[in-house]
C-alpha atoms as a PDB file:
ATOM      1  CA  MET A   1     176.003  60.991 187.839  1.00  0.00           C
ATOM      2  CA  SER A   2     176.412  61.900 184.221  1.00  0.00           C
ATOM      3  CA  PRO A   3     175.022  64.963 183.126  1.00  0.00           C
ATOM      4  CA  ARG A   4     171.280  65.140 181.310  1.00  0.00           C
ATOM      5  CA  ARG A   5     171.114  65.368 177.943  1.00  0.00           C
ATOM      6  CA  PRO A   6     168.852  67.938 176.654  1.00  0.00           C
ATOM      7  CA  ARG A   7     165.508  66.628 175.452  1.00  0.00           C
ATOM      8  CA  ARG A   8     164.976  66.384 171.848  1.00  0.00           C
ATOM      9  CA  THR A   9     161.840  68.575 170.352  1.00  0.00           C
ATOM     10  CA  SER A  10     159.857  66.417 168.201  1.00  0.00           C
ATOM     11  CA  ALA A  11     159.442  67.396 164.514  1.00  0.00           C
ATOM     12  CA  THR A  12     155.582  67.830 165.433  1.00  0.00           C
ATOM     13  CA  ALA A  13     156.359  70.693 168.357  1.00  0.00           C
ATOM     14  CA  VAL A  14     158.952  71.983 166.028  1.00  0.00           C
ATOM     15  CA  TYR A  15     156.407  72.661 162.984  1.00  0.00           C
ATOM     16  CA  GLU A  16     153.615  73.560 165.031  1.00  0.00           C
ATOM     17  CA  ALA A  17     155.955  76.377 167.008  1.00  0.00           C
ATOM     18  CA  GLU A  18     156.953  77.520 163.543  1.00  0.00           C
ATOM     19  CA  VAL A  19     153.477  77.977 162.568  1.00  0.00           C
ATOM     20  CA  ALA A  20     152.435  79.681 165.313  1.00  0.00           C
ATOM     21  CA  ALA A  21     155.368  82.239 165.103  1.00  0.00           C
ATOM     22  CA  TYR A  22     154.543  82.857 161.231  1.00  0.00           C
ATOM     23  CA  ILE A  23     150.700  83.302 161.914  1.00  0.00           C
ATOM     24  CA  ALA A  24     151.794  85.513 164.791  1.00  0.00           C
ATOM     25  CA  ALA A  25     153.731  87.715 162.362  1.00  0.00           C
ATOM     26  CA  GLY A  26     150.993  87.796 159.763  1.00  0.00           C
ATOM     27  CA  GLY A  27     151.039  84.959 157.742  1.00  0.00           C
ATOM     28  CA  ASN A  28     147.931  83.352 156.602  1.00  0.00           C
ATOM     29  CA  GLU A  29     147.207  79.974 158.720  1.00  0.00           C
ATOM     30  CA  GLN A  30     146.734  77.606 155.865  1.00  0.00           C
ATOM     31  CA  THR A  31     149.337  78.993 153.808  1.00  0.00           C
ATOM     32  CA  GLN A  32     151.864  78.543 156.503  1.00  0.00           C
ATOM     33  CA  ARG A  33     150.848  75.105 157.821  1.00  0.00           C
ATOM     34  CA  VAL A  34     151.472  74.204 153.964  1.00  0.00           C
ATOM     35  CA  ILE A  35     154.755  75.824 153.275  1.00  0.00           C
ATOM     36  CA  THR A  36     156.103  75.031 156.536  1.00  0.00           C
ATOM     37  CA  ALA A  37     155.038  71.248 156.480  1.00  0.00           C
ATOM     38  CA  VAL A  38     156.705  70.997 152.998  1.00  0.00           C
ATOM     39  CA  HIS A  39     159.885  72.740 154.062  1.00  0.00           C
ATOM     40  CA  GLY A  40     159.961  70.790 157.203  1.00  0.00           C
ATOM     41  CA  LEU A  41     159.713  67.428 155.292  1.00  0.00           C
ATOM     42  CA  THR A  42     162.464  68.947 152.791  1.00  0.00           C
ATOM     43  CA  ARG A  43     164.537  69.590 155.390  1.00  0.00           C
ATOM     44  CA  ARG A  44     164.134  66.303 157.600  1.00  0.00           C
ATOM     45  CA  LEU A  45     164.979  64.400 153.961  1.00  0.00           C
ATOM     46  CA  SER A  46     167.987  66.474 153.553  1.00  0.00           C
ATOM     47  CA  GLN A  47     169.350  65.159 156.421  1.00  0.00           C
ATOM     48  CA  PHE A  48     168.948  61.740 155.243  1.00  0.00           C
ATOM     49  CA  TYR A  49     170.057  62.298 151.714  1.00  0.00           C
ATOM     50  CA  ASN A  50     173.243  64.409 153.050  1.00  0.00           C
ATOM     51  CA  ALA A  51     174.116  61.221 155.100  1.00  0.00           C
ATOM     52  CA  GLN A  52     173.371  58.230 152.434  1.00  0.00           C
ATOM     53  CA  LEU A  53     175.559  60.680 149.809  1.00  0.00           C
ATOM     54  CA  VAL A  54     178.546  60.327 152.405  1.00  0.00           C
ATOM     55  CA  ASP A  55     177.490  56.190 152.272  1.00  0.00           C
ATOM     56  CA  LEU A  56     178.082  56.444 148.270  1.00  0.00           C
ATOM     57  CA  ASP A  57     181.553  58.851 148.455  1.00  0.00           C
ATOM     58  CA  VAL A  58     179.734  61.473 146.610  1.00  0.00           C
ATOM     59  CA  SER A  59     179.542  65.003 147.431  1.00  0.00           C
ATOM     60  CA  ALA A  60     176.254  67.234 147.103  1.00  0.00           C
ATOM     61  CA  GLY A  61     177.908  69.123 144.343  1.00  0.00           C
ATOM     62  CA  GLU A  62     178.221  65.745 142.575  1.00  0.00           C
ATOM     63  CA  TRP A  63     175.242  64.605 143.020  1.00  0.00           C
ATOM     64  CA  GLY A  64     173.673  67.736 141.640  1.00  0.00           C
ATOM     65  CA  VAL A  65     175.482  66.942 138.363  1.00  0.00           C
ATOM     66  CA  ILE A  66     174.324  63.055 138.353  1.00  0.00           C
ATOM     67  CA  SER A  67     170.963  63.587 139.301  1.00  0.00           C
ATOM     68  CA  ARG A  68     170.643  66.628 136.673  1.00  0.00           C
ATOM     69  CA  LEU A  69     172.423  64.553 134.023  1.00  0.00           C
ATOM     70  CA  ALA A  70     170.329  61.487 134.894  1.00  0.00           C
ATOM     71  CA  THR A  71     166.874  63.466 134.639  1.00  0.00           C
ATOM     72  CA  THR A  72     167.638  65.338 131.613  1.00  0.00           C
ATOM     73  CA  PRO A  73     165.127  64.466 128.609  1.00  0.00           C
ATOM     74  CA  LYS A  74     166.957  62.391 126.197  1.00  0.00           C
ATOM     75  CA  ASP A  75     166.698  64.858 123.478  1.00  0.00           C
ATOM     76  CA  ALA A  76     168.321  67.728 125.282  1.00  0.00           C
ATOM     77  CA  ILE A  77     172.332  68.325 125.424  1.00  0.00           C
ATOM     78  CA  SER A  78     173.977  69.159 128.736  1.00  0.00           C
ATOM     79  CA  THR A  79     176.810  71.245 128.547  1.00  0.00           C
ATOM     80  CA  PRO A  80     179.386  72.550 131.344  1.00  0.00           C
ATOM     81  CA  SER A  81     177.603  75.650 131.111  1.00  0.00           C
ATOM     82  CA  SER A  82     174.158  74.522 131.424  1.00  0.00           C
ATOM     83  CA  LEU A  83     174.706  72.550 134.076  1.00  0.00           C
ATOM     84  CA  ALA A  84     176.358  75.451 136.049  1.00  0.00           C
ATOM     85  CA  ALA A  85     173.512  77.584 135.362  1.00  0.00           C
ATOM     86  CA  ALA A  86     170.876  74.572 136.414  1.00  0.00           C
ATOM     87  CA  LEU A  87     172.870  74.432 139.600  1.00  0.00           C
ATOM     88  CA  ALA A  88     173.667  77.873 140.330  1.00  0.00           C
ATOM     89  CA  ILE A  89     177.163  77.889 140.175  1.00  0.00           C
ATOM     90  CA  ALA A  90     180.208  79.240 138.554  1.00  0.00           C
ATOM     91  CA  PRO A  91     181.639  77.956 134.980  1.00  0.00           C
ATOM     92  CA  SER A  92     184.844  77.660 136.773  1.00  0.00           C
ATOM     93  CA  SER A  93     183.386  75.495 139.907  1.00  0.00           C
ATOM     94  CA  MET A  94     181.585  73.078 137.661  1.00  0.00           C
ATOM     95  CA  THR A  95     184.808  72.709 135.256  1.00  0.00           C
ATOM     96  CA  HIS A  96     186.522  71.788 138.534  1.00  0.00           C
ATOM     97  CA  ARG A  97     183.879  69.576 139.367  1.00  0.00           C
ATOM     98  CA  LEU A  98     183.109  67.673 136.460  1.00  0.00           C
ATOM     99  CA  ASP A  99     187.026  67.071 136.002  1.00  0.00           C
ATOM    100  CA  LYS A 100     187.028  65.507 139.358  1.00  0.00           C
ATOM    101  CA  MET A 101     183.933  63.496 138.350  1.00  0.00           C
ATOM    102  CA  SER A 102     185.597  62.347 135.069  1.00  0.00           C
ATOM    103  CA  GLU A 103     188.274  61.208 136.985  1.00  0.00           C
ATOM    104  CA  ARG A 104     186.539  58.884 138.997  1.00  0.00           C
ATOM    105  CA  GLY A 105     184.602  57.676 135.942  1.00  0.00           C
ATOM    106  CA  LEU A 106     181.069  59.440 136.784  1.00  0.00           C
ATOM    107  CA  ILE A 107     180.729  61.654 133.706  1.00  0.00           C
ATOM    108  CA  LEU A 108     181.985  61.513 130.113  1.00  0.00           C
ATOM    109  CA  ARG A 109     182.876  64.916 128.052  1.00  0.00           C
ATOM    110  CA  THR A 110     182.874  64.431 124.402  1.00  0.00           C
ATOM    111  CA  PRO A 111     183.230  67.324 121.838  1.00  0.00           C
ATOM    112  CA  ASP A 112     179.851  68.419 120.205  1.00  0.00           C
ATOM    113  CA  THR A 113     180.040  67.444 116.770  1.00  0.00           C
ATOM    114  CA  THR A 114     177.715  70.409 115.409  1.00  0.00           C
ATOM    115  CA  ASN A 115     179.610  72.878 117.644  1.00  0.00           C
ATOM    116  CA  ARG A 116     183.258  72.525 118.088  1.00  0.00           C
ATOM    117  CA  THR A 117     183.522  75.334 120.402  1.00  0.00           C
ATOM    118  CA  ARG A 118     181.535  73.241 123.454  1.00  0.00           C
ATOM    119  CA  MET A 119     181.688  69.713 125.059  1.00  0.00           C
ATOM    120  CA  ILE A 120     179.107  67.563 125.901  1.00  0.00           C
ATOM    121  CA  VAL A 121     178.618  65.980 129.105  1.00  0.00           C
ATOM    122  CA  THR A 122     176.834  62.381 129.807  1.00  0.00           C
ATOM    123  CA  LEU A 123     176.650  60.131 132.415  1.00  0.00           C
ATOM    124  CA  THR A 124     178.774  56.663 132.192  1.00  0.00           C
ATOM    125  CA  SER A 125     177.540  53.703 133.180  1.00  0.00           C
ATOM    126  CA  ALA A 126     179.150  54.110 136.568  1.00  0.00           C
ATOM    127  CA  GLY A 127     177.342  57.546 137.025  1.00  0.00           C
ATOM    128  CA  TRP A 128     174.209  56.011 136.193  1.00  0.00           C
ATOM    129  CA  GLU A 129     174.901  53.103 138.785  1.00  0.00           C
ATOM    130  CA  MET A 130     175.449  55.679 141.561  1.00  0.00           C
ATOM    131  CA  PHE A 131     172.110  57.244 140.471  1.00  0.00           C
ATOM    132  CA  ARG A 132     170.416  54.039 140.385  1.00  0.00           C
ATOM    133  CA  LYS A 133     171.628  53.043 143.940  1.00  0.00           C
ATOM    134  CA  ALA A 134     170.643  56.711 145.436  1.00  0.00           C
ATOM    135  CA  ILE A 135     167.045  56.322 143.794  1.00  0.00           C
ATOM    136  CA  GLN A 136     166.391  52.718 145.424  1.00  0.00           C
ATOM    137  CA  ALA A 137     167.780  53.548 148.805  1.00  0.00           C
ATOM    138  CA  SER A 138     166.003  56.654 149.396  1.00  0.00           C
ATOM    139  CA  ASP A 139     162.867  55.120 147.598  1.00  0.00           C
ATOM    140  CA  VAL A 140     162.861  52.614 151.141  1.00  0.00           C
ATOM    141  CA  VAL A 141     163.044  55.916 153.436  1.00  0.00           C
ATOM    142  CA  GLU A 142     160.493  57.906 151.156  1.00  0.00           C
ATOM    143  CA  SER A 143     158.147  55.089 151.143  1.00  0.00           C
ATOM    144  CA  ASP A 144     158.304  54.816 155.194  1.00  0.00           C
ATOM    145  CA  VAL A 145     157.536  58.547 155.141  1.00  0.00           C
ATOM    146  CA  LEU A 146     154.613  58.267 153.060  1.00  0.00           C
ATOM    147  CA  ALA A 147     153.381  54.868 154.681  1.00  0.00           C
ATOM    148  CA  GLN A 148     150.687  56.700 156.864  1.00  0.00           C
ATOM    149  CA  LEU A 149     148.760  57.805 153.633  1.00  0.00           C
ATOM    150  CA  SER A 150     146.580  55.390 151.536  1.00  0.00           C
ATOM    151  CA  GLU A 151     147.480  54.915 147.821  1.00  0.00           C
ATOM    152  CA  GLY A 152     144.595  57.463 146.991  1.00  0.00           C
ATOM    153  CA  GLU A 153     146.309  60.174 149.571  1.00  0.00           C
ATOM    154  CA  ARG A 154     149.388  60.189 148.100  1.00  0.00           C
ATOM    155  CA  GLU A 155     147.788  60.545 144.523  1.00  0.00           C
ATOM    156  CA  THR A 156     146.011  63.012 145.615  1.00  0.00           C
ATOM    157  CA  LEU A 157     148.873  65.084 147.539  1.00  0.00           C
ATOM    158  CA  ALA A 158     150.974  64.801 144.308  1.00  0.00           C
ATOM    159  CA  ASP A 159     148.107  66.285 142.274  1.00  0.00           C
ATOM    160  CA  LEU A 160     148.086  69.215 145.092  1.00  0.00           C
ATOM    161  CA  LEU A 161     151.992  69.747 145.009  1.00  0.00           C
ATOM    162  CA  GLU A 162     151.868  69.575 141.209  1.00  0.00           C
ATOM    163  CA  ARG A 163     149.362  72.056 140.805  1.00  0.00           C
ATOM    164  CA  ALA A 164     151.459  74.251 143.777  1.00  0.00           C
ATOM    165  CA  ILE A 165     154.357  73.739 141.584  1.00  0.00           C
ATOM    166  CA  ALA A 166     152.964  74.765 138.517  1.00  0.00           C
ATOM    167  CA  GLY A 167     151.578  78.065 140.619  1.00  0.00           C
ATOM    168  CA  LEU A 168     154.827  79.009 141.686  1.00  0.00           C
ATOM    169  CA  ASP A 169     156.135  78.991 137.729  1.00  0.00           C
ATOM    170  CA  ASP A 170     152.918  81.010 136.988  1.00  0.00           C
ATOM    171  CA  ALA A 171     153.941  83.312 139.430  1.00  0.00           C
ATOM    172  CA  LEU A 172     157.621  83.735 138.678  1.00  0.00           C
ATOM    173  CA  ASP A 173     156.910  84.125 135.094  1.00  0.00           C
ATOM    174  CA  SER A 174     154.490  87.201 136.188  1.00  0.00           C
END
């Protein structure tokens, strides 16, 4: 007779237990339901994203650089220092990361013609292709996650989360 595996707790049961604990500790029920749901969704999606990065042969740190470069406005300049600050890592760690990414052909570092003391970092076509593949694969799973919501509900959810993000920005700025 083989030993029994422990039964997996459903995501719903974990969510409900977390919310109940936060409320018991004095948290506001509505606030805790929202924040716990967002955090739980983020945690579960992160597990998928991490597995996807392994499949793409890219580290989470490299992905941070790729996604930051891919989503930076066209008129903005990315430097090793600005990337290190944005990703909250030491400049020396960023230099090491960029060295490895440059060797793999994912990024290009070129001298800034207006400031000879800094380098500009851009994605190569291979880096953009990696970003594109990751986003297309993620979109399938993310669409499945949202499949239970109508188009109108998705729009409402996006609007509400965008307002919550603005509220976070306001709270951090004050």
